N, C-alpha and C. Protein backbone atom coordinates (compact mmCIF):
# COMPACT_ATOMS: atom_id res chain seq x y z
N MET A 1 29.21 -32.77 -28.72
CA MET A 1 30.47 -32.05 -28.66
C MET A 1 30.78 -31.73 -27.20
N LYS A 2 32.03 -31.94 -26.81
CA LYS A 2 32.43 -31.71 -25.43
C LYS A 2 32.43 -30.21 -25.12
N THR A 3 32.26 -29.90 -23.85
CA THR A 3 32.24 -28.52 -23.39
C THR A 3 33.55 -27.82 -23.69
N ILE A 4 34.66 -28.50 -23.52
CA ILE A 4 35.96 -27.88 -23.75
C ILE A 4 36.14 -27.53 -25.22
N ALA A 5 35.62 -28.37 -26.11
CA ALA A 5 35.70 -28.08 -27.55
C ALA A 5 34.88 -26.83 -27.88
N LYS A 6 33.70 -26.73 -27.25
CA LYS A 6 32.87 -25.53 -27.45
C LYS A 6 33.58 -24.28 -26.96
N LEU A 7 34.29 -24.41 -25.84
CA LEU A 7 35.05 -23.28 -25.31
C LEU A 7 36.11 -22.82 -26.30
N TRP A 8 36.88 -23.75 -26.85
CA TRP A 8 37.94 -23.39 -27.79
C TRP A 8 37.38 -22.82 -29.08
N ILE A 9 36.23 -23.34 -29.53
CA ILE A 9 35.60 -22.79 -30.73
C ILE A 9 35.15 -21.35 -30.45
N GLY A 10 34.56 -21.13 -29.27
CA GLY A 10 34.12 -19.79 -28.89
C GLY A 10 35.29 -18.82 -28.80
N LEU A 11 36.38 -19.25 -28.21
CA LEU A 11 37.57 -18.39 -28.13
C LEU A 11 38.13 -18.11 -29.52
N GLY A 12 38.12 -19.11 -30.39
CA GLY A 12 38.59 -18.92 -31.76
C GLY A 12 37.75 -17.90 -32.51
N VAL A 13 36.43 -17.97 -32.34
CA VAL A 13 35.54 -17.00 -33.00
C VAL A 13 35.84 -15.59 -32.48
N LEU A 14 36.03 -15.46 -31.16
CA LEU A 14 36.35 -14.14 -30.60
C LEU A 14 37.68 -13.61 -31.12
N VAL A 15 38.65 -14.49 -31.28
CA VAL A 15 39.96 -14.09 -31.83
C VAL A 15 39.78 -13.57 -33.25
N LEU A 16 38.97 -14.27 -34.04
CA LEU A 16 38.77 -13.84 -35.42
C LEU A 16 37.97 -12.55 -35.52
N LEU A 17 37.06 -12.29 -34.58
CA LEU A 17 36.24 -11.09 -34.62
C LEU A 17 36.90 -9.87 -33.98
N SER A 18 37.90 -10.07 -33.14
CA SER A 18 38.48 -8.96 -32.39
C SER A 18 39.04 -7.83 -33.25
N PRO A 19 39.62 -8.08 -34.42
CA PRO A 19 40.12 -6.95 -35.22
C PRO A 19 39.02 -5.99 -35.68
N LEU A 20 37.78 -6.45 -35.71
CA LEU A 20 36.70 -5.58 -36.17
C LEU A 20 36.56 -4.34 -35.28
N GLY A 21 36.80 -4.50 -33.98
CA GLY A 21 36.72 -3.37 -33.07
C GLY A 21 37.78 -2.31 -33.34
N LEU A 22 38.83 -2.68 -33.99
CA LEU A 22 39.88 -1.73 -34.35
C LEU A 22 39.72 -1.21 -35.78
N LEU A 23 39.20 -2.06 -36.65
CA LEU A 23 39.07 -1.67 -38.06
C LEU A 23 37.86 -0.78 -38.30
N PHE A 24 36.74 -1.05 -37.64
CA PHE A 24 35.53 -0.26 -37.88
C PHE A 24 35.70 1.21 -37.53
N PRO A 25 36.26 1.56 -36.38
CA PRO A 25 36.44 2.99 -36.11
C PRO A 25 37.32 3.69 -37.14
N GLU A 26 38.35 3.01 -37.62
CA GLU A 26 39.23 3.58 -38.65
C GLU A 26 38.46 3.75 -39.95
N HIS A 27 37.70 2.74 -40.31
CA HIS A 27 36.94 2.77 -41.57
C HIS A 27 35.86 3.86 -41.57
N PHE A 28 35.17 4.00 -40.44
CA PHE A 28 34.08 4.97 -40.35
C PHE A 28 34.52 6.31 -39.78
N LYS A 29 35.83 6.50 -39.59
CA LYS A 29 36.39 7.75 -39.04
C LYS A 29 35.72 8.12 -37.72
N ALA A 30 35.60 7.11 -36.85
CA ALA A 30 34.90 7.29 -35.58
C ALA A 30 35.83 7.58 -34.42
N GLY A 31 37.11 7.74 -34.64
CA GLY A 31 38.04 7.99 -33.55
C GLY A 31 38.57 6.69 -32.97
N ALA A 32 38.78 6.68 -31.68
CA ALA A 32 39.34 5.51 -31.00
C ALA A 32 38.34 4.36 -30.96
N ALA A 33 38.85 3.14 -30.85
CA ALA A 33 37.99 1.98 -30.68
C ALA A 33 37.22 2.11 -29.38
N TRP A 34 36.01 1.58 -29.35
CA TRP A 34 35.14 1.72 -28.18
C TRP A 34 35.83 1.15 -26.95
N GLY A 35 35.86 1.92 -25.89
CA GLY A 35 36.43 1.47 -24.62
C GLY A 35 37.93 1.64 -24.51
N GLU A 36 38.58 2.09 -25.55
CA GLU A 36 40.03 2.28 -25.51
C GLU A 36 40.38 3.76 -25.38
N TRP A 37 39.54 4.49 -24.70
CA TRP A 37 39.73 5.92 -24.59
C TRP A 37 40.75 6.27 -23.52
N GLY A 38 41.57 7.23 -23.82
CA GLY A 38 42.46 7.81 -22.83
C GLY A 38 41.75 8.98 -22.19
N THR A 39 42.45 9.68 -21.32
CA THR A 39 41.82 10.80 -20.63
C THR A 39 41.42 11.91 -21.60
N GLU A 40 42.18 12.08 -22.68
CA GLU A 40 41.83 13.12 -23.65
C GLU A 40 40.50 12.83 -24.33
N GLU A 41 40.31 11.56 -24.74
CA GLU A 41 39.06 11.19 -25.40
C GLU A 41 37.88 11.30 -24.45
N ILE A 42 38.08 10.89 -23.20
CA ILE A 42 37.00 10.99 -22.22
C ILE A 42 36.64 12.45 -21.97
N GLN A 43 37.63 13.31 -21.92
CA GLN A 43 37.38 14.75 -21.77
C GLN A 43 36.50 15.26 -22.92
N LYS A 44 36.81 14.81 -24.14
CA LYS A 44 36.02 15.24 -25.30
C LYS A 44 34.61 14.65 -25.27
N LEU A 45 34.48 13.38 -24.83
CA LEU A 45 33.19 12.71 -24.86
C LEU A 45 32.21 13.21 -23.80
N ILE A 46 32.70 13.36 -22.57
CA ILE A 46 31.77 13.71 -21.48
C ILE A 46 32.00 15.09 -20.89
N GLY A 47 33.06 15.75 -21.31
CA GLY A 47 33.28 17.12 -20.87
C GLY A 47 34.16 17.29 -19.66
N TYR A 48 34.52 16.22 -19.00
CA TYR A 48 35.42 16.30 -17.85
C TYR A 48 36.10 14.94 -17.67
N ILE A 49 37.11 14.91 -16.83
CA ILE A 49 37.80 13.66 -16.50
C ILE A 49 37.40 13.29 -15.07
N PRO A 50 36.78 12.12 -14.87
CA PRO A 50 36.40 11.71 -13.52
C PRO A 50 37.62 11.73 -12.59
N GLN A 51 37.38 12.11 -11.35
CA GLN A 51 38.46 12.30 -10.38
C GLN A 51 39.30 11.04 -10.20
N GLY A 52 38.64 9.89 -10.07
CA GLY A 52 39.38 8.63 -9.88
C GLY A 52 40.24 8.28 -11.09
N LEU A 53 39.70 8.52 -12.28
CA LEU A 53 40.46 8.24 -13.50
C LEU A 53 41.67 9.15 -13.60
N ALA A 54 41.48 10.41 -13.29
CA ALA A 54 42.60 11.36 -13.33
C ALA A 54 43.67 10.96 -12.33
N LYS A 55 43.23 10.47 -11.17
CA LYS A 55 44.17 10.10 -10.11
C LYS A 55 44.99 8.86 -10.47
N PHE A 56 44.33 7.87 -11.05
CA PHE A 56 45.00 6.58 -11.28
C PHE A 56 45.45 6.35 -12.73
N SER A 57 45.20 7.28 -13.62
CA SER A 57 45.54 7.06 -15.03
C SER A 57 47.04 6.95 -15.27
N SER A 58 47.85 7.48 -14.39
CA SER A 58 49.30 7.42 -14.60
C SER A 58 49.93 6.14 -14.04
N LEU A 59 49.14 5.28 -13.38
CA LEU A 59 49.69 4.05 -12.81
C LEU A 59 50.05 3.02 -13.86
N TRP A 60 49.36 3.02 -14.99
CA TRP A 60 49.60 2.00 -16.01
C TRP A 60 49.78 2.66 -17.35
N SER A 61 50.78 2.22 -18.07
CA SER A 61 50.91 2.65 -19.46
C SER A 61 51.03 1.40 -20.32
N ALA A 62 50.41 1.43 -21.45
CA ALA A 62 50.38 0.25 -22.33
C ALA A 62 51.77 -0.05 -22.86
N PRO A 63 52.11 -1.35 -22.99
CA PRO A 63 53.40 -1.71 -23.57
C PRO A 63 53.55 -1.22 -25.01
N LEU A 64 52.46 -1.24 -25.77
CA LEU A 64 52.46 -0.73 -27.15
C LEU A 64 51.34 0.30 -27.27
N PRO A 65 51.58 1.54 -26.83
CA PRO A 65 50.52 2.55 -26.90
C PRO A 65 50.01 2.72 -28.33
N ASP A 66 48.71 2.72 -28.48
CA ASP A 66 48.07 2.84 -29.80
C ASP A 66 48.51 1.73 -30.75
N TYR A 67 48.95 0.61 -30.20
CA TYR A 67 49.40 -0.55 -30.99
C TYR A 67 50.56 -0.20 -31.91
N ALA A 68 51.36 0.76 -31.54
CA ALA A 68 52.45 1.22 -32.39
C ALA A 68 53.80 1.04 -31.71
N PHE A 69 54.79 0.66 -32.49
CA PHE A 69 56.15 0.62 -31.99
C PHE A 69 56.68 2.05 -31.99
N LYS A 70 57.79 2.28 -31.28
CA LYS A 70 58.36 3.63 -31.24
C LYS A 70 58.62 4.16 -32.64
N GLY A 71 58.22 5.41 -32.85
CA GLY A 71 58.43 6.05 -34.13
C GLY A 71 57.30 5.84 -35.13
N GLN A 72 56.33 4.98 -34.81
CA GLN A 72 55.23 4.71 -35.72
C GLN A 72 53.92 5.33 -35.26
N GLU A 73 53.94 6.14 -34.23
CA GLU A 73 52.72 6.61 -33.60
C GLU A 73 51.72 7.26 -34.56
N GLY A 74 52.17 8.00 -35.54
CA GLY A 74 51.26 8.70 -36.45
C GLY A 74 51.00 7.96 -37.75
N ALA A 75 51.48 6.75 -37.88
CA ALA A 75 51.38 6.02 -39.13
C ALA A 75 49.94 5.55 -39.38
N GLY A 76 49.66 5.17 -40.60
CA GLY A 76 48.34 4.67 -40.97
C GLY A 76 48.13 3.24 -40.53
N LEU A 77 46.92 2.76 -40.77
CA LEU A 77 46.54 1.42 -40.33
C LEU A 77 47.42 0.34 -40.94
N SER A 78 47.75 0.46 -42.21
CA SER A 78 48.56 -0.59 -42.85
C SER A 78 49.96 -0.65 -42.24
N ALA A 79 50.52 0.48 -41.87
CA ALA A 79 51.85 0.49 -41.26
C ALA A 79 51.81 -0.03 -39.83
N LEU A 80 50.66 0.08 -39.18
CA LEU A 80 50.54 -0.37 -37.79
C LEU A 80 50.15 -1.84 -37.66
N SER A 81 50.01 -2.53 -38.77
CA SER A 81 49.54 -3.91 -38.74
C SER A 81 50.39 -4.81 -37.86
N LEU A 82 51.71 -4.65 -37.91
CA LEU A 82 52.58 -5.49 -37.09
C LEU A 82 52.30 -5.28 -35.60
N GLY A 83 52.11 -4.04 -35.20
CA GLY A 83 51.78 -3.75 -33.80
C GLY A 83 50.47 -4.38 -33.38
N TYR A 84 49.47 -4.33 -34.26
CA TYR A 84 48.18 -4.96 -33.99
C TYR A 84 48.35 -6.47 -33.82
N ILE A 85 49.12 -7.06 -34.71
CA ILE A 85 49.31 -8.52 -34.67
C ILE A 85 50.06 -8.92 -33.41
N VAL A 86 51.12 -8.21 -33.07
CA VAL A 86 51.88 -8.51 -31.85
C VAL A 86 50.99 -8.36 -30.61
N SER A 87 50.21 -7.30 -30.55
CA SER A 87 49.30 -7.09 -29.42
C SER A 87 48.28 -8.22 -29.34
N ALA A 88 47.73 -8.61 -30.49
CA ALA A 88 46.74 -9.69 -30.51
C ALA A 88 47.35 -11.01 -30.03
N LEU A 89 48.55 -11.32 -30.51
CA LEU A 89 49.18 -12.58 -30.10
C LEU A 89 49.48 -12.60 -28.61
N ILE A 90 49.94 -11.48 -28.08
CA ILE A 90 50.21 -11.41 -26.64
C ILE A 90 48.91 -11.61 -25.86
N GLY A 91 47.85 -10.94 -26.29
CA GLY A 91 46.55 -11.09 -25.63
C GLY A 91 46.03 -12.51 -25.70
N ILE A 92 46.15 -13.14 -26.86
CA ILE A 92 45.69 -14.52 -27.03
C ILE A 92 46.48 -15.45 -26.13
N LEU A 93 47.80 -15.27 -26.09
CA LEU A 93 48.63 -16.13 -25.22
C LEU A 93 48.25 -15.98 -23.76
N ILE A 94 47.96 -14.76 -23.32
CA ILE A 94 47.57 -14.54 -21.93
C ILE A 94 46.24 -15.22 -21.63
N VAL A 95 45.26 -15.08 -22.54
CA VAL A 95 43.95 -15.70 -22.33
C VAL A 95 44.07 -17.22 -22.31
N VAL A 96 44.81 -17.78 -23.25
CA VAL A 96 44.98 -19.24 -23.30
C VAL A 96 45.68 -19.74 -22.04
N ALA A 97 46.71 -19.04 -21.60
CA ALA A 97 47.41 -19.44 -20.37
C ALA A 97 46.48 -19.39 -19.17
N LEU A 98 45.66 -18.36 -19.07
CA LEU A 98 44.70 -18.27 -17.96
C LEU A 98 43.67 -19.38 -18.01
N VAL A 99 43.18 -19.70 -19.20
CA VAL A 99 42.22 -20.80 -19.34
C VAL A 99 42.84 -22.11 -18.90
N PHE A 100 44.06 -22.38 -19.33
CA PHE A 100 44.74 -23.61 -18.91
C PHE A 100 44.97 -23.63 -17.40
N LEU A 101 45.37 -22.51 -16.83
CA LEU A 101 45.61 -22.43 -15.39
C LEU A 101 44.32 -22.68 -14.61
N ILE A 102 43.24 -22.04 -15.01
CA ILE A 102 41.96 -22.23 -14.32
C ILE A 102 41.49 -23.68 -14.47
N ALA A 103 41.66 -24.24 -15.66
CA ALA A 103 41.27 -25.64 -15.88
C ALA A 103 42.06 -26.58 -14.99
N LYS A 104 43.36 -26.35 -14.90
CA LYS A 104 44.21 -27.19 -14.03
C LYS A 104 43.76 -27.09 -12.57
N LEU A 105 43.47 -25.88 -12.12
CA LEU A 105 43.03 -25.68 -10.74
C LEU A 105 41.68 -26.35 -10.48
N LEU A 106 40.77 -26.25 -11.44
CA LEU A 106 39.46 -26.87 -11.27
C LEU A 106 39.56 -28.40 -11.29
N ILE A 107 40.39 -28.95 -12.17
CA ILE A 107 40.56 -30.40 -12.23
C ILE A 107 41.25 -30.90 -10.97
N LYS A 108 42.22 -30.16 -10.49
CA LYS A 108 42.96 -30.54 -9.28
C LYS A 108 42.03 -30.56 -8.05
N ASN A 109 41.11 -29.63 -7.98
CA ASN A 109 40.21 -29.52 -6.83
C ASN A 109 39.06 -30.51 -6.87
N LYS A 110 38.82 -31.19 -7.99
CA LYS A 110 37.71 -32.16 -8.07
C LYS A 110 38.01 -33.41 -7.33
């Protein structure tokens, strides 16, 4: 099997597994998905907000905060499914585009 085929299979497996990181915390009532903490969650977890995080946290805001469209912020998981799917598709498209770009650059430089 070619290396590129293995890469696409690996990316496909990651795409299929990625919803688990969002579904497990909801299922086990564990709060936010691991690593998706805002300053409030970090304050609760470690007791303070690191100075650098507090300073730079306002520079970026997510296009779909909490994977929700406007007006859906407090909705349940089933109502937020469209936001999850849109976020996933955008992420997948970005990763695929980057892989193609890097591949083109590497082939061009050979």
